[in-house]
Amino acid sequence: MYICQITKRHSEKGQKLNKLVIATRDRVYTKKVRNEETNRWEDVEIGRGWEIVREINVSAQGLEQWNSWSQEEKDLFIKQFRG
């Protein structure tokens, strides 16, 4: 059991948990490689992506409510959310 962080209600026993990502950030993945000319270690970019910064637990009803909101309402919820 868990508490839906949008509706503030307890879930029923066995009810599916939905994780909702509300904040991400860019990420650059690097690898240390030895430069053969200078014989020093250097960071070389091997990939780019993103990582999850914040996610919340929501029920099916909370997810429906989230999807019905406009982008301004979502931004306001995220700004006011303290979890």
PDB file of N, CA and C in Angstrom:
ATOM      1  N   MET A   1       0.834  -1.181   0.000  1.00  0.00           N
ATOM      2  CA  MET A   1       0.000   0.000   0.000  1.00  0.00           C
ATOM      3  C   MET A   1       0.880   1.245   0.000  1.00  0.00           C
ATOM      4  N   TYR A   2       0.347   2.304  -0.557  1.00  0.00           N
ATOM      5  CA  TYR A   2       1.080   3.554  -0.657  1.00  0.00           C
ATOM      6  C   TYR A   2       0.086   4.709  -0.679  1.00  0.00           C
ATOM      7  N   ILE A   3       0.583   5.918  -0.565  1.00  0.00           N
ATOM      8  CA  ILE A   3      -0.246   7.114  -0.641  1.00  0.00           C
ATOM      9  C   ILE A   3      -0.006   7.770  -1.995  1.00  0.00           C
ATOM     10  N   CYS A   4      -1.087   8.009  -2.735  1.00  0.00           N
ATOM     11  CA  CYS A   4      -0.984   8.715  -4.010  1.00  0.00           C
ATOM     12  C   CYS A   4      -0.604  10.159  -3.704  1.00  0.00           C
ATOM     13  N   GLN A   5       0.447  10.655  -4.314  1.00  0.00           N
ATOM     14  CA  GLN A   5       0.938  11.990  -3.997  1.00  0.00           C
ATOM     15  C   GLN A   5       0.200  13.090  -4.754  1.00  0.00           C
ATOM     16  N   ILE A   6      -0.762  12.727  -5.572  1.00  0.00           N
ATOM     17  CA  ILE A   6      -1.608  13.728  -6.225  1.00  0.00           C
ATOM     18  C   ILE A   6      -2.959  13.802  -5.519  1.00  0.00           C
ATOM     19  N   THR A   7      -3.613  12.652  -5.317  1.00  0.00           N
ATOM     20  CA  THR A   7      -4.934  12.644  -4.688  1.00  0.00           C
ATOM     21  C   THR A   7      -4.860  12.592  -3.165  1.00  0.00           C
ATOM     22  N   LYS A   8      -3.699  12.258  -2.605  1.00  0.00           N
ATOM     23  CA  LYS A   8      -3.471  12.147  -1.155  1.00  0.00           C
ATOM     24  C   LYS A   8      -4.306  11.039  -0.514  1.00  0.00           C
ATOM     25  N   ARG A   9      -4.647  10.008  -1.275  1.00  0.00           N
ATOM     26  CA  ARG A   9      -5.427   8.884  -0.768  1.00  0.00           C
ATOM     27  C   ARG A   9      -4.563   7.631  -0.680  1.00  0.00           C
ATOM     28  N   HIS A  10      -4.923   6.772   0.264  1.00  0.00           N
ATOM     29  CA  HIS A  10      -4.241   5.481   0.385  1.00  0.00           C
ATOM     30  C   HIS A  10      -4.720   4.558  -0.728  1.00  0.00           C
ATOM     31  N   SER A  11      -3.820   3.752  -1.225  1.00  0.00           N
ATOM     32  CA  SER A  11      -4.184   2.799  -2.265  1.00  0.00           C
ATOM     33  C   SER A  11      -4.858   1.591  -1.645  1.00  0.00           C
ATOM     34  N   GLU A  12      -5.536   0.852  -2.480  1.00  0.00           N
ATOM     35  CA  GLU A  12      -6.121  -0.414  -2.050  1.00  0.00           C
ATOM     36  C   GLU A  12      -5.028  -1.478  -2.057  1.00  0.00           C
ATOM     37  N   LYS A  13      -5.232  -2.514  -1.309  1.00  0.00           N
ATOM     38  CA  LYS A  13      -4.267  -3.603  -1.248  1.00  0.00           C
ATOM     39  C   LYS A  13      -4.136  -4.233  -2.632  1.00  0.00           C
ATOM     40  N   GLY A  14      -2.923  -4.338  -3.152  1.00  0.00           N
ATOM     41  CA  GLY A  14      -2.656  -4.937  -4.451  1.00  0.00           C
ATOM     42  C   GLY A  14      -2.816  -3.988  -5.631  1.00  0.00           C
ATOM     43  N   GLN A  15      -3.129  -2.726  -5.371  1.00  0.00           N
ATOM     44  CA  GLN A  15      -3.295  -1.757  -6.462  1.00  0.00           C
ATOM     45  C   GLN A  15      -1.929  -1.398  -7.051  1.00  0.00           C
ATOM     46  N   LYS A  16      -1.875  -1.261  -8.365  1.00  0.00           N
ATOM     47  CA  LYS A  16      -0.625  -0.992  -9.073  1.00  0.00           C
ATOM     48  C   LYS A  16      -0.080   0.400  -8.726  1.00  0.00           C
ATOM     49  N   LEU A  17       1.223   0.474  -8.518  1.00  0.00           N
ATOM     50  CA  LEU A  17       1.914   1.727  -8.272  1.00  0.00           C
ATOM     51  C   LEU A  17       2.430   2.278  -9.595  1.00  0.00           C
ATOM     52  N   ASN A  18       2.173   3.544  -9.852  1.00  0.00           N
ATOM     53  CA  ASN A  18       2.699   4.227 -11.033  1.00  0.00           C
ATOM     54  C   ASN A  18       3.735   5.238 -10.578  1.00  0.00           C
ATOM     55  N   LYS A  19       4.910   5.218 -11.188  1.00  0.00           N
ATOM     56  CA  LYS A  19       5.945   6.205 -10.917  1.00  0.00           C
ATOM     57  C   LYS A  19       5.847   7.280 -11.987  1.00  0.00           C
ATOM     58  N   LEU A  20       5.737   8.533 -11.586  1.00  0.00           N
ATOM     59  CA  LEU A  20       5.589   9.649 -12.501  1.00  0.00           C
ATOM     60  C   LEU A  20       6.818  10.541 -12.379  1.00  0.00           C
ATOM     61  N   VAL A  21       7.575  10.688 -13.454  1.00  0.00           N
ATOM     62  CA  VAL A  21       8.785  11.508 -13.454  1.00  0.00           C
ATOM     63  C   VAL A  21       8.372  12.965 -13.587  1.00  0.00           C
ATOM     64  N   ILE A  22       8.791  13.796 -12.610  1.00  0.00           N
ATOM     65  CA  ILE A  22       8.435  15.209 -12.660  1.00  0.00           C
ATOM     66  C   ILE A  22       9.643  16.119 -12.863  1.00  0.00           C
ATOM     67  N   ALA A  23      10.856  15.570 -12.799  1.00  0.00           N
ATOM     68  CA  ALA A  23      12.045  16.391 -13.035  1.00  0.00           C
ATOM     69  C   ALA A  23      13.186  15.522 -13.556  1.00  0.00           C
ATOM     70  N   THR A  24      13.866  15.999 -14.586  1.00  0.00           N
ATOM     71  CA  THR A  24      15.037  15.325 -15.151  1.00  0.00           C
ATOM     72  C   THR A  24      16.145  16.347 -15.346  1.00  0.00           C
ATOM     73  N   ARG A  25      17.341  15.859 -15.604  1.00  0.00           N
ATOM     74  CA  ARG A  25      18.462  16.748 -15.941  1.00  0.00           C
ATOM     75  C   ARG A  25      19.330  16.067 -16.988  1.00  0.00           C
ATOM     76  N   ASP A  26      20.019  16.882 -17.771  1.00  0.00           N
ATOM     77  CA  ASP A  26      20.917  16.355 -18.794  1.00  0.00           C
ATOM     78  C   ASP A  26      22.132  15.738 -18.133  1.00  0.00           C
ATOM     79  N   ARG A  27      22.681  14.736 -18.783  1.00  0.00           N
ATOM     80  CA  ARG A  27      23.842  14.034 -18.242  1.00  0.00           C
ATOM     81  C   ARG A  27      24.822  13.743 -19.371  1.00  0.00           C
ATOM     82  N   VAL A  28      26.104  13.969 -19.114  1.00  0.00           N
ATOM     83  CA  VAL A  28      27.163  13.643 -20.061  1.00  0.00           C
ATOM     84  C   VAL A  28      27.996  12.527 -19.435  1.00  0.00           C
ATOM     85  N   TYR A  29      28.149  11.432 -20.154  1.00  0.00           N
ATOM     86  CA  TYR A  29      28.915  10.282 -19.677  1.00  0.00           C
ATOM     87  C   TYR A  29      30.312  10.344 -20.277  1.00  0.00           C
ATOM     88  N   THR A  30      31.325  10.202 -19.421  1.00  0.00           N
ATOM     89  CA  THR A  30      32.709  10.308 -19.872  1.00  0.00           C
ATOM     90  C   THR A  30      33.492   9.063 -19.475  1.00  0.00           C
ATOM     91  N   LYS A  31      34.651   8.936 -20.103  1.00  0.00           N
ATOM     92  CA  LYS A  31      35.546   7.829 -19.822  1.00  0.00           C
ATOM     93  C   LYS A  31      36.957   8.396 -19.783  1.00  0.00           C
ATOM     94  N   LYS A  32      37.787   7.900 -18.876  1.00  0.00           N
ATOM     95  CA  LYS A  32      39.189   8.327 -18.799  1.00  0.00           C
ATOM     96  C   LYS A  32      40.001   7.547 -19.818  1.00  0.00           C
ATOM     97  N   VAL A  33      40.728   8.285 -20.662  1.00  0.00           N
ATOM     98  CA  VAL A  33      41.564   7.684 -21.697  1.00  0.00           C
ATOM     99  C   VAL A  33      42.932   8.343 -21.628  1.00  0.00           C
ATOM    100  N   ARG A  34      43.971   7.537 -21.766  1.00  0.00           N
ATOM    101  CA  ARG A  34      45.330   8.089 -21.734  1.00  0.00           C
ATOM    102  C   ARG A  34      45.685   8.642 -23.113  1.00  0.00           C
ATOM    103  N   ASN A  35      46.111   9.900 -23.135  1.00  0.00           N
ATOM    104  CA  ASN A  35      46.569  10.545 -24.365  1.00  0.00           C
ATOM    105  C   ASN A  35      47.975  10.039 -24.643  1.00  0.00           C
ATOM    106  N   GLU A  36      48.193   9.431 -25.816  1.00  0.00           N
ATOM    107  CA  GLU A  36      49.488   8.834 -26.130  1.00  0.00           C
ATOM    108  C   GLU A  36      50.576   9.888 -26.365  1.00  0.00           C
ATOM    109  N   GLU A  37      50.201  11.080 -26.817  1.00  0.00           N
ATOM    110  CA  GLU A  37      51.192  12.129 -27.075  1.00  0.00           C
ATOM    111  C   GLU A  37      51.691  12.775 -25.792  1.00  0.00           C
ATOM    112  N   THR A  38      50.756  13.115 -24.886  1.00  0.00           N
ATOM    113  CA  THR A  38      51.144  13.795 -23.649  1.00  0.00           C
ATOM    114  C   THR A  38      51.321  12.844 -22.480  1.00  0.00           C
ATOM    115  N   ASN A  39      50.875  11.598 -22.634  1.00  0.00           N
ATOM    116  CA  ASN A  39      50.946  10.575 -21.590  1.00  0.00           C
ATOM    117  C   ASN A  39      50.163  10.980 -20.333  1.00  0.00           C
ATOM    118  N   ARG A  40      49.054  11.720 -20.541  1.00  0.00           N
ATOM    119  CA  ARG A  40      48.189  12.129 -19.433  1.00  0.00           C
ATOM    120  C   ARG A  40      46.791  11.567 -19.648  1.00  0.00           C
ATOM    121  N   TRP A  41      46.064  11.420 -18.532  1.00  0.00           N
ATOM    122  CA  TRP A  41      44.685  10.940 -18.600  1.00  0.00           C
ATOM    123  C   TRP A  41      43.772  12.094 -18.961  1.00  0.00           C
ATOM    124  N   GLU A  42      42.835  11.851 -19.874  1.00  0.00           N
ATOM    125  CA  GLU A  42      41.876  12.862 -20.294  1.00  0.00           C
ATOM    126  C   GLU A  42      40.471  12.273 -20.251  1.00  0.00           C
ATOM    127  N   ASP A  43      39.484  13.136 -20.015  1.00  0.00           N
ATOM    128  CA  ASP A  43      38.086  12.715 -20.059  1.00  0.00           C
ATOM    129  C   ASP A  43      37.581  12.836 -21.489  1.00  0.00           C
ATOM    130  N   VAL A  44      37.010  11.745 -22.000  1.00  0.00           N
ATOM    131  CA  VAL A  44      36.463  11.718 -23.352  1.00  0.00           C
ATOM    132  C   VAL A  44      34.970  11.427 -23.243  1.00  0.00           C
ATOM    133  N   GLU A  45      34.168  12.224 -23.921  1.00  0.00           N
ATOM    134  CA  GLU A  45      32.720  12.017 -23.891  1.00  0.00           C
ATOM    135  C   GLU A  45      32.363  10.759 -24.676  1.00  0.00           C
ATOM    136  N   ILE A  46      31.596   9.875 -24.018  1.00  0.00           N
ATOM    137  CA  ILE A  46      31.187   8.643 -24.694  1.00  0.00           C
ATOM    138  C   ILE A  46      29.681   8.583 -24.906  1.00  0.00           C
ATOM    139  N   GLY A  47      28.947   9.521 -24.300  1.00  0.00           N
ATOM    140  CA  GLY A  47      27.507   9.513 -24.495  1.00  0.00           C
ATOM    141  C   GLY A  47      26.825  10.665 -23.806  1.00  0.00           C
ATOM    142  N   ARG A  48      25.584  10.928 -24.226  1.00  0.00           N
ATOM    143  CA  ARG A  48      24.748  11.954 -23.617  1.00  0.00           C
ATOM    144  C   ARG A  48      23.381  11.355 -23.353  1.00  0.00           C
ATOM    145  N   GLY A  49      22.723  11.883 -22.358  1.00  0.00           N
ATOM    146  CA  GLY A  49      21.393  11.393 -22.030  1.00  0.00           C
ATOM    147  C   GLY A  49      20.775  12.255 -20.959  1.00  0.00           C
ATOM    148  N   TRP A  50      19.896  11.650 -20.178  1.00  0.00           N
ATOM    149  CA  TRP A  50      19.269  12.347 -19.067  1.00  0.00           C
ATOM    150  C   TRP A  50      19.090  11.377 -17.923  1.00  0.00           C
ATOM    151  N   GLU A  51      18.898  11.940 -16.728  1.00  0.00           N
ATOM    152  CA  GLU A  51      18.669  11.112 -15.560  1.00  0.00           C
ATOM    153  C   GLU A  51      17.510  11.687 -14.758  1.00  0.00           C
ATOM    154  N   ILE A  52      16.847  10.819 -14.029  1.00  0.00           N
ATOM    155  CA  ILE A  52      15.695  11.223 -13.232  1.00  0.00           C
ATOM    156  C   ILE A  52      16.183  11.926 -11.974  1.00  0.00           C
ATOM    157  N   VAL A  53      15.614  13.102 -11.723  1.00  0.00           N
ATOM    158  CA  VAL A  53      15.935  13.848 -10.515  1.00  0.00           C
ATOM    159  C   VAL A  53      14.855  13.630  -9.465  1.00  0.00           C
ATOM    160  N   ARG A  54      13.590  13.636  -9.907  1.00  0.00           N
ATOM    161  CA  ARG A  54      12.484  13.504  -8.968  1.00  0.00           C
ATOM    162  C   ARG A  54      11.337  12.745  -9.618  1.00  0.00           C
ATOM    163  N   GLU A  55      10.760  11.818  -8.864  1.00  0.00           N
ATOM    164  CA  GLU A  55       9.579  11.101  -9.318  1.00  0.00           C
ATOM    165  C   GLU A  55       8.640  10.919  -8.144  1.00  0.00           C
ATOM    166  N   ILE A  56       7.351  10.774  -8.443  1.00  0.00           N
ATOM    167  CA  ILE A  56       6.351  10.635  -7.397  1.00  0.00           C
ATOM    168  C   ILE A  56       5.546   9.358  -7.613  1.00  0.00           C
ATOM    169  N   ASN A  57       4.937   8.870  -6.521  1.00  0.00           N
ATOM    170  CA  ASN A  57       4.080   7.687  -6.565  1.00  0.00           C
ATOM    171  C   ASN A  57       2.643   8.140  -6.785  1.00  0.00           C
ATOM    172  N   VAL A  58       2.000   7.596  -7.806  1.00  0.00           N
ATOM    173  CA  VAL A  58       0.615   7.960  -8.070  1.00  0.00           C
ATOM    174  C   VAL A  58      -0.206   6.703  -8.355  1.00  0.00           C
ATOM    175  N   SER A  59      -1.479   6.797  -8.032  1.00  0.00           N
ATOM    176  CA  SER A  59      -2.423   5.716  -8.337  1.00  0.00           C
ATOM    177  C   SER A  59      -2.948   5.914  -9.756  1.00  0.00           C
ATOM    178  N   ALA A  60      -3.794   5.006 -10.202  1.00  0.00           N
ATOM    179  CA  ALA A  60      -4.389   5.134 -11.534  1.00  0.00           C
ATOM    180  C   ALA A  60      -5.247   6.404 -11.612  1.00  0.00           C
ATOM    181  N   GLN A  61      -5.971   6.717 -10.538  1.00  0.00           N
ATOM    182  CA  GLN A  61      -6.782   7.930 -10.521  1.00  0.00           C
ATOM    183  C   GLN A  61      -5.899   9.180 -10.542  1.00  0.00           C
ATOM    184  N   GLY A  62      -4.800   9.143  -9.821  1.00  0.00           N
ATOM    185  CA  GLY A  62      -3.862  10.266  -9.810  1.00  0.00           C
ATOM    186  C   GLY A  62      -3.231  10.479 -11.169  1.00  0.00           C
ATOM    187  N   LEU A  63      -2.933   9.379 -11.865  1.00  0.00           N
ATOM    188  CA  LEU A  63      -2.357   9.475 -13.208  1.00  0.00           C
ATOM    189  C   LEU A  63      -3.365  10.062 -14.193  1.00  0.00           C
ATOM    190  N   GLU A  64      -4.621   9.657 -14.083  1.00  0.00           N
ATOM    191  CA  GLU A  64      -5.669  10.234 -14.930  1.00  0.00           C
ATOM    192  C   GLU A  64      -5.813  11.727 -14.678  1.00  0.00           C
ATOM    193  N   GLN A  65      -5.765  12.100 -13.401  1.00  0.00           N
ATOM    194  CA  GLN A  65      -5.873  13.521 -13.044  1.00  0.00           C
ATOM    195  C   GLN A  65      -4.687  14.297 -13.612  1.00  0.00           C
ATOM    196  N   TRP A  66      -3.470  13.740 -13.509  1.00  0.00           N
ATOM    197  CA  TRP A  66      -2.262  14.396 -14.036  1.00  0.00           C
ATOM    198  C   TRP A  66      -2.390  14.603 -15.542  1.00  0.00           C
ATOM    199  N   ASN A  67      -2.855  13.586 -16.251  1.00  0.00           N
ATOM    200  CA  ASN A  67      -2.979  13.675 -17.705  1.00  0.00           C
ATOM    201  C   ASN A  67      -4.065  14.651 -18.145  1.00  0.00           C
ATOM    202  N   SER A  68      -5.026  14.945 -17.275  1.00  0.00           N
ATOM    203  CA  SER A  68      -6.091  15.885 -17.630  1.00  0.00           C
ATOM    204  C   SER A  68      -5.664  17.340 -17.419  1.00  0.00           C
ATOM    205  N   TRP A  69      -4.582  17.561 -16.691  1.00  0.00           N
ATOM    206  CA  TRP A  69      -4.130  18.925 -16.402  1.00  0.00           C
ATOM    207  C   TRP A  69      -3.434  19.545 -17.601  1.00  0.00           C
ATOM    208  N   SER A  70      -3.481  20.878 -17.678  1.00  0.00           N
ATOM    209  CA  SER A  70      -2.716  21.617 -18.684  1.00  0.00           C
ATOM    210  C   SER A  70      -1.266  21.714 -18.207  1.00  0.00           C
ATOM    211  N   GLN A  71      -0.387  22.159 -19.072  1.00  0.00           N
ATOM    212  CA  GLN A  71       1.027  22.277 -18.706  1.00  0.00           C
ATOM    213  C   GLN A  71       1.222  23.290 -17.574  1.00  0.00           C
ATOM    214  N   GLU A  72       0.434  24.357 -17.553  1.00  0.00           N
ATOM    215  CA  GLU A  72       0.536  25.358 -16.487  1.00  0.00           C
ATOM    216  C   GLU A  72       0.143  24.760 -15.129  1.00  0.00           C
ATOM    217  N   GLU A  73      -0.899  23.922 -15.120  1.00  0.00           N
ATOM    218  CA  GLU A  73      -1.317  23.274 -13.882  1.00  0.00           C
ATOM    219  C   GLU A  73      -0.260  22.286 -13.403  1.00  0.00           C
ATOM    220  N   LYS A  74       0.364  21.563 -14.315  1.00  0.00           N
ATOM    221  CA  LYS A  74       1.434  20.632 -13.956  1.00  0.00           C
ATOM    222  C   LYS A  74       2.618  21.388 -13.371  1.00  0.00           C
ATOM    223  N   ASP A  75       3.003  22.500 -14.011  1.00  0.00           N
ATOM    224  CA  ASP A  75       4.124  23.296 -13.512  1.00  0.00           C
ATOM    225  C   ASP A  75       3.834  23.853 -12.122  1.00  0.00           C
ATOM    226  N   LEU A  76       2.602  24.294 -11.886  1.00  0.00           N
ATOM    227  CA  LEU A  76       2.213  24.822 -10.578  1.00  0.00           C
ATOM    228  C   LEU A  76       2.274  23.723  -9.521  1.00  0.00           C
ATOM    229  N   PHE A  77       1.801  22.509  -9.860  1.00  0.00           N
ATOM    230  CA  PHE A  77       1.860  21.391  -8.911  1.00  0.00           C
ATOM    231  C   PHE A  77       3.304  21.063  -8.552  1.00  0.00           C
ATOM    232  N   ILE A  78       4.167  20.999  -9.570  1.00  0.00           N
ATOM    233  CA  ILE A  78       5.572  20.674  -9.323  1.00  0.00           C
ATOM    234  C   ILE A  78       6.235  21.730  -8.457  1.00  0.00           C
ATOM    235  N   LYS A  79       5.914  22.982  -8.707  1.00  0.00           N
ATOM    236  CA  LYS A  79       6.488  24.093  -7.924  1.00  0.00           C
ATOM    237  C   LYS A  79       6.060  24.018  -6.463  1.00  0.00           C
ATOM    238  N   GLN A  80       4.800  23.638  -6.213  1.00  0.00           N
ATOM    239  CA  GLN A  80       4.272  23.591  -4.860  1.00  0.00           C
ATOM    240  C   GLN A  80       4.510  22.253  -4.163  1.00  0.00           C
ATOM    241  N   PHE A  81       4.915  21.225  -4.908  1.00  0.00           N
ATOM    242  CA  PHE A  81       5.066  19.880  -4.358  1.00  0.00           C
ATOM    243  C   PHE A  81       6.237  19.808  -3.393  1.00  0.00           C
ATOM    244  N   ARG A  82       5.963  19.260  -2.248  1.00  0.00           N
ATOM    245  CA  ARG A  82       7.013  18.984  -1.257  1.00  0.00           C
ATOM    246  C   ARG A  82       6.811  17.556  -0.797  1.00  0.00           C
ATOM    247  N   GLY A  83       7.619  16.643  -1.329  1.00  0.00           N
ATOM    248  CA  GLY A  83       7.421  15.232  -1.001  1.00  0.00           C
ATOM    249  C   GLY A  83       8.505  14.674  -0.280  1.00  0.00           C
TER     250      GLY A  83
END
